[in-house]
Amino acid sequence: MGRMALERGAARLIIWDINESNIELVKNELSGKGQVSGYRVDVSDRSVIEQAYATTVSECGPIDILIQCAGIVTSNATFDRLTTRDIERTMMINAIAPMNVAHVMLADMIKRDKGHICNIASAAGMLSMPKMSVYSASKWSVIGWSDSVRIELAKMKSKVRFTTVAPYFINTGMFDGVSSKIFPILDPENTARKIIRAIERNKDFRGIPFGFHFIRFWQAVLPAALFDYVFGAIFGIYHTMDHFTGRKNDNRKHIEGANSADSALTASVLQNGDNAERKVS
């Protein structure tokens, strides 16, 4: 996604990641595309977020676009078999961390009346998923929070925009072993392209694939038992996690997005009048 942002005119890309080796890897891979900076940030720690933001702004300038793609999934265990740490860690990284990052950055965006925050949720935040109950809960949380802030900003007549993206399983390794009977496992490149396009077009919400936009409609019109039968038995959605393994032989196990666990990607786009000088950071 960072590469695509640079290719589409962003002048600086800034990566926040808990793993310094991943930062260096991305910087080396994208060095020929534009300016790339990176900071080691544990997004589960609010004080670290605040300090990292102050440093980022001081060294790179204001952030205009924030893309939040940090996420973890711990296992395919049923809820009764999850540990307290599994539950708390999943909610912290997937739900509370993006709220904290946005909360730290949003005040400056509102003050400048300029900015865009894109929160990567999941189709699991629209559709109940057995064997990933807490992951689903964290993504439901992101969708509800992100869209609520979008409405708040609109009522304030602010030009700051919020985009919520809810993709199906993406073939990044995070969900290795999942099976999909009817919906395809998403290609990372194509998915990143759709996310960037949603930001460029100021979309409020983007489900990927597009069919997930109709989930709420079917939930509203079908009795719960019939909905469960259609999506569980016929479409096989309720069995997608049965053979989940996640990443193997990788210290970045169960990481969502392009980088590593507890990562956040921020992008800054600086504009001067009608001629946009784009910096992604």
Protein backbone atom coordinates (compact mmCIF):
# COMPACT_ATOMS: atom_id res chain seq x y z
CA MET A 1 0.00 0.00 0.00
CA GLY A 2 2.86 2.36 0.79
CA ARG A 3 4.43 1.69 -2.59
CA MET A 4 1.15 2.48 -4.34
CA ALA A 5 0.81 5.73 -2.40
CA LEU A 6 4.27 6.79 -3.53
CA GLU A 7 3.56 5.76 -7.11
CA ARG A 8 0.37 7.83 -7.08
CA GLY A 9 2.21 11.00 -6.14
CA ALA A 10 2.87 10.91 -2.41
CA ALA A 11 6.17 12.62 -1.60
CA ARG A 12 6.87 10.96 1.74
CA LEU A 13 5.89 7.68 3.34
CA ILE A 14 6.21 7.25 7.10
CA ILE A 15 5.90 3.80 8.61
CA TRP A 16 5.20 3.08 12.26
CA ASP A 17 6.07 -0.47 13.23
CA ILE A 18 7.11 -2.27 16.40
CA ASN A 19 9.73 -4.25 14.47
CA GLU A 20 12.73 -2.17 13.39
CA SER A 21 13.93 -4.80 10.90
CA ASN A 22 10.62 -4.57 9.08
CA ILE A 23 10.95 -0.79 8.90
CA GLU A 24 14.40 -1.09 7.35
CA LEU A 25 13.16 -3.74 4.93
CA VAL A 26 10.35 -1.51 3.66
CA LYS A 27 12.63 1.55 3.50
CA ASN A 28 15.12 -0.37 1.38
CA GLU A 29 12.42 -1.76 -0.90
CA LEU A 30 10.79 1.63 -1.50
CA SER A 31 13.80 3.93 -1.40
CA GLY A 32 13.71 4.38 -5.15
CA LYS A 33 10.04 5.36 -5.13
CA GLY A 34 10.26 8.45 -2.94
CA GLN A 35 11.06 9.62 0.58
CA VAL A 36 10.48 6.90 3.17
CA SER A 37 10.86 7.32 6.93
CA GLY A 38 10.14 4.92 9.74
CA TYR A 39 9.76 4.90 13.51
CA ARG A 40 9.58 2.06 15.98
CA VAL A 41 6.22 2.43 17.72
CA ASP A 42 4.30 0.11 20.03
CA VAL A 43 0.73 1.20 19.31
CA SER A 44 -0.53 -0.57 22.42
CA ASP A 45 1.12 2.15 24.55
CA ARG A 46 -0.60 5.55 24.46
CA SER A 47 2.44 7.43 25.79
CA VAL A 48 4.62 5.91 23.06
CA ILE A 49 2.08 6.98 20.43
CA GLU A 50 2.11 10.56 21.72
CA GLN A 51 5.90 10.72 21.74
CA ALA A 52 6.19 9.13 18.29
CA TYR A 53 3.66 11.56 16.85
CA ALA A 54 5.51 14.57 18.25
CA THR A 55 8.77 13.28 16.78
CA THR A 56 7.17 12.49 13.43
CA VAL A 57 5.62 15.93 13.06
CA SER A 58 8.83 17.63 14.18
CA GLU A 59 10.96 15.76 11.65
CA CYS A 60 8.53 15.24 8.77
CA GLY A 61 5.78 17.83 9.06
CA PRO A 62 2.03 17.44 9.61
CA ILE A 63 0.20 14.21 8.86
CA ASP A 64 -2.61 14.56 6.35
CA ILE A 65 -3.48 10.94 5.69
CA LEU A 66 -3.38 8.16 8.27
CA ILE A 67 -3.92 4.56 7.19
CA GLN A 68 -4.34 2.25 10.16
CA CYS A 69 -3.67 -1.40 9.35
CA ALA A 70 -2.25 -2.83 12.58
CA GLY A 71 -3.89 -6.06 13.65
CA ILE A 72 -3.47 -9.48 15.20
CA VAL A 73 -5.38 -12.74 15.35
CA THR A 74 -4.31 -15.15 18.08
CA SER A 75 -5.85 -18.52 17.19
CA ASN A 76 -8.95 -20.32 15.96
CA ALA A 77 -9.97 -21.39 19.46
CA THR A 78 -13.55 -21.04 20.60
CA PHE A 79 -14.19 -18.21 23.05
CA ASP A 80 -14.21 -20.46 26.14
CA ARG A 81 -10.67 -21.64 25.32
CA LEU A 82 -9.10 -18.22 24.83
CA THR A 83 -6.79 -16.85 27.50
CA THR A 84 -7.32 -13.50 29.15
CA ARG A 85 -4.19 -12.28 27.37
CA ASP A 86 -5.60 -13.41 24.00
CA ILE A 87 -8.74 -11.37 24.62
CA GLU A 88 -7.08 -8.25 25.99
CA ARG A 89 -4.25 -8.20 23.43
CA THR A 90 -6.62 -8.61 20.49
CA MET A 91 -8.90 -5.81 21.67
CA MET A 92 -5.94 -3.57 22.45
CA ILE A 93 -4.19 -3.87 19.10
CA ASN A 94 -7.24 -4.17 16.86
CA ALA A 95 -9.63 -1.72 18.52
CA ILE A 96 -8.15 0.50 21.23
CA ALA A 97 -4.83 1.21 19.46
CA PRO A 98 -6.40 2.71 16.31
CA MET A 99 -8.64 4.84 18.50
CA ASN A 100 -5.61 6.10 20.42
CA VAL A 101 -3.58 6.83 17.28
CA ALA A 102 -6.48 8.69 15.69
CA HIS A 103 -7.22 10.54 18.94
CA VAL A 104 -3.64 11.82 19.09
CA MET A 105 -3.59 12.96 15.46
CA LEU A 106 -7.15 14.17 14.96
CA ALA A 107 -6.92 17.41 16.95
CA ASP A 108 -4.26 18.81 14.62
CA MET A 109 -6.22 17.72 11.55
CA ILE A 110 -9.35 19.47 12.84
CA LYS A 111 -7.33 22.58 13.66
CA ARG A 112 -5.94 22.64 10.11
CA ASP A 113 -9.35 21.58 8.71
CA LYS A 114 -7.55 19.08 6.56
CA GLY A 115 -6.81 15.38 6.79
CA HIS A 116 -8.03 11.87 6.12
CA ILE A 117 -8.02 8.83 8.40
CA CYS A 118 -8.58 5.40 6.88
CA ASN A 119 -9.27 2.57 9.32
CA ILE A 120 -8.85 -0.99 8.08
CA ALA A 121 -11.51 -3.09 9.79
CA SER A 122 -12.65 -6.46 8.43
CA ALA A 123 -15.62 -8.25 6.94
CA ALA A 124 -15.55 -10.09 10.28
CA GLY A 125 -16.77 -6.81 11.74
CA MET A 126 -19.98 -7.15 9.75
CA LEU A 127 -20.56 -10.89 9.97
CA SER A 128 -20.33 -13.02 13.10
CA MET A 129 -17.50 -15.55 12.71
CA PRO A 130 -17.18 -18.67 14.88
CA LYS A 131 -13.66 -19.39 16.18
CA MET A 132 -12.69 -15.74 15.86
CA SER A 133 -15.21 -14.18 18.22
CA VAL A 134 -12.86 -11.64 19.84
CA TYR A 135 -11.29 -10.72 16.50
CA SER A 136 -14.80 -10.13 15.16
CA ALA A 137 -15.66 -8.07 18.25
CA SER A 138 -12.58 -5.90 17.75
CA LYS A 139 -13.47 -5.23 14.12
CA TRP A 140 -17.14 -4.55 14.90
CA SER A 141 -15.77 -2.00 17.34
CA VAL A 142 -13.60 -0.34 14.69
CA ILE A 143 -16.50 -0.06 12.24
CA GLY A 144 -18.87 1.43 14.83
CA TRP A 145 -16.27 3.86 16.19
CA SER A 146 -14.88 4.93 12.81
CA ASP A 147 -18.26 5.59 11.24
CA SER A 148 -19.48 7.44 14.34
CA VAL A 149 -16.50 9.82 14.18
CA ARG A 150 -17.19 10.31 10.48
CA ILE A 151 -20.68 11.54 11.32
CA GLU A 152 -19.35 13.75 14.14
CA LEU A 153 -16.95 15.43 11.73
CA ALA A 154 -19.69 15.93 9.15
CA LYS A 155 -21.91 17.58 11.76
CA MET A 156 -18.99 19.85 12.66
CA LYS A 157 -18.72 20.72 8.94
CA SER A 158 -15.08 19.70 9.13
CA LYS A 159 -13.17 18.86 5.97
CA VAL A 160 -11.39 16.02 7.78
CA ARG A 161 -12.58 12.70 6.38
CA PHE A 162 -12.89 9.18 7.81
CA THR A 163 -12.96 6.09 5.58
CA THR A 164 -13.70 2.64 6.97
CA VAL A 165 -12.61 -0.40 4.96
CA ALA A 166 -13.90 -3.92 5.66
CA PRO A 167 -12.01 -6.49 3.57
CA TYR A 168 -12.52 -10.26 3.55
CA PHE A 169 -9.51 -12.51 4.25
CA ILE A 170 -6.39 -11.16 2.52
CA ASN A 171 -3.66 -13.49 1.31
CA THR A 172 -0.85 -12.00 3.40
CA GLY A 173 -0.10 -15.12 5.47
CA MET A 174 -1.94 -13.86 8.52
CA PHE A 175 -4.89 -16.13 7.75
CA ASP A 176 -3.05 -19.11 6.30
CA GLY A 177 -5.20 -22.22 6.46
CA VAL A 178 -8.57 -20.51 6.17
CA SER A 179 -10.96 -21.96 3.61
CA SER A 180 -13.47 -20.00 1.59
CA LYS A 181 -16.30 -21.79 -0.14
CA ILE A 182 -17.82 -18.92 -2.08
CA PHE A 183 -15.91 -15.68 -1.48
CA PRO A 184 -12.35 -15.56 -2.86
CA ILE A 185 -9.32 -14.96 -0.64
CA LEU A 186 -8.27 -11.44 -1.56
CA ASP A 187 -5.12 -10.55 -3.47
CA PRO A 188 -3.01 -8.05 -1.44
CA GLU A 189 -2.10 -5.87 -4.43
CA ASN A 190 -5.65 -5.56 -5.70
CA THR A 191 -6.97 -4.93 -2.19
CA ALA A 192 -4.40 -2.20 -1.54
CA ARG A 193 -5.36 -0.57 -4.82
CA LYS A 194 -9.03 -0.50 -3.79
CA ILE A 195 -8.16 0.98 -0.39
CA ILE A 196 -6.08 3.76 -1.96
CA ARG A 197 -8.88 4.43 -4.44
CA ALA A 198 -11.44 4.63 -1.61
CA ILE A 199 -9.30 7.29 0.10
CA GLU A 200 -8.83 9.25 -3.12
CA ARG A 201 -12.58 9.23 -3.72
CA ASN A 202 -13.43 10.15 -0.12
CA LYS A 203 -15.53 7.03 0.35
CA ASP A 204 -17.20 6.72 3.75
CA PHE A 205 -17.18 2.92 3.70
CA ARG A 206 -15.75 0.25 1.44
CA GLY A 207 -16.47 -3.45 1.76
CA ILE A 208 -14.18 -5.80 -0.16
CA PRO A 209 -15.51 -7.60 -2.11
CA PHE A 210 -18.40 -5.26 -2.86
CA GLY A 211 -20.97 -7.95 -2.01
CA PHE A 212 -20.27 -7.45 1.68
CA HIS A 213 -22.08 -4.11 1.45
CA PHE A 214 -25.32 -6.12 1.44
CA ILE A 215 -24.59 -8.17 4.58
CA ARG A 216 -26.58 -5.86 6.85
CA PHE A 217 -29.54 -5.98 4.47
CA TRP A 218 -29.69 -9.77 4.60
CA GLN A 219 -29.27 -9.73 8.37
CA ALA A 220 -32.24 -7.39 8.59
CA VAL A 221 -34.61 -9.29 6.31
CA LEU A 222 -33.76 -12.92 7.08
CA PRO A 223 -34.64 -14.70 10.34
CA ALA A 224 -31.48 -15.52 12.29
CA ALA A 225 -31.86 -19.27 11.75
CA LEU A 226 -32.23 -18.85 7.99
CA PHE A 227 -29.34 -16.38 7.82
CA ASP A 228 -27.13 -18.85 9.72
CA TYR A 229 -28.15 -21.65 7.35
CA VAL A 230 -27.42 -19.63 4.21
CA PHE A 231 -24.10 -18.17 5.33
CA GLY A 232 -23.05 -21.12 7.46
CA ALA A 233 -24.15 -24.27 5.65
CA ILE A 234 -24.49 -23.04 2.06
CA PHE A 235 -21.77 -20.39 1.82
CA GLY A 236 -19.53 -22.09 4.40
CA ILE A 237 -18.62 -18.81 6.11
CA TYR A 238 -18.95 -20.30 9.59
CA HIS A 239 -16.30 -22.94 8.79
CA THR A 240 -13.60 -20.69 7.34
CA MET A 241 -11.45 -20.88 10.49
CA ASP A 242 -11.68 -24.65 11.01
CA HIS A 243 -8.19 -25.29 9.59
CA PHE A 244 -6.58 -21.95 10.37
CA THR A 245 -2.83 -22.07 11.04
CA GLY A 246 -1.63 -18.49 10.55
CA ARG A 247 1.92 -17.70 9.52
CA LYS A 248 4.46 -20.43 10.13
CA ASN A 249 8.16 -20.08 10.91
CA ASP A 250 7.92 -16.31 11.05
CA ASN A 251 8.43 -14.09 14.07
CA ARG A 252 5.75 -11.85 12.58
CA LYS A 253 3.12 -14.59 13.12
CA HIS A 254 -0.52 -13.63 12.71
CA ILE A 255 0.16 -10.14 11.43
CA GLU A 256 -2.40 -8.21 9.47
CA GLY A 257 -1.31 -5.86 6.71
CA ALA A 258 1.96 -5.43 4.91
CA ASN A 259 4.33 -4.99 7.80
CA SER A 260 4.36 -6.59 11.23
CA ALA A 261 2.49 -7.03 14.47
CA ASP A 262 1.40 -3.88 16.19
CA SER A 263 2.17 -1.81 13.11
CA ALA A 264 0.49 1.32 11.86
CA LEU A 265 1.01 2.95 8.51
CA THR A 266 0.72 6.71 8.35
CA ALA A 267 0.62 8.71 5.15
CA SER A 268 1.00 12.47 4.88
CA VAL A 269 -0.22 14.41 1.87
CA LEU A 270 0.76 18.09 1.84
CA GLN A 271 -1.07 20.28 -0.66
CA ASN A 272 -0.34 23.82 -1.84
CA GLY A 273 -3.29 25.41 -3.59
CA ASP A 274 -4.37 23.54 -6.69
CA ASN A 275 -0.97 21.94 -7.14
CA ALA A 276 -0.58 19.05 -4.75
CA GLU A 277 2.87 18.34 -3.41
CA ARG A 278 2.31 14.93 -1.92
CA LYS A 279 4.29 13.61 1.00
CA VAL A 280 3.52 10.23 2.43
CA SER A 281 4.90 9.64 5.86
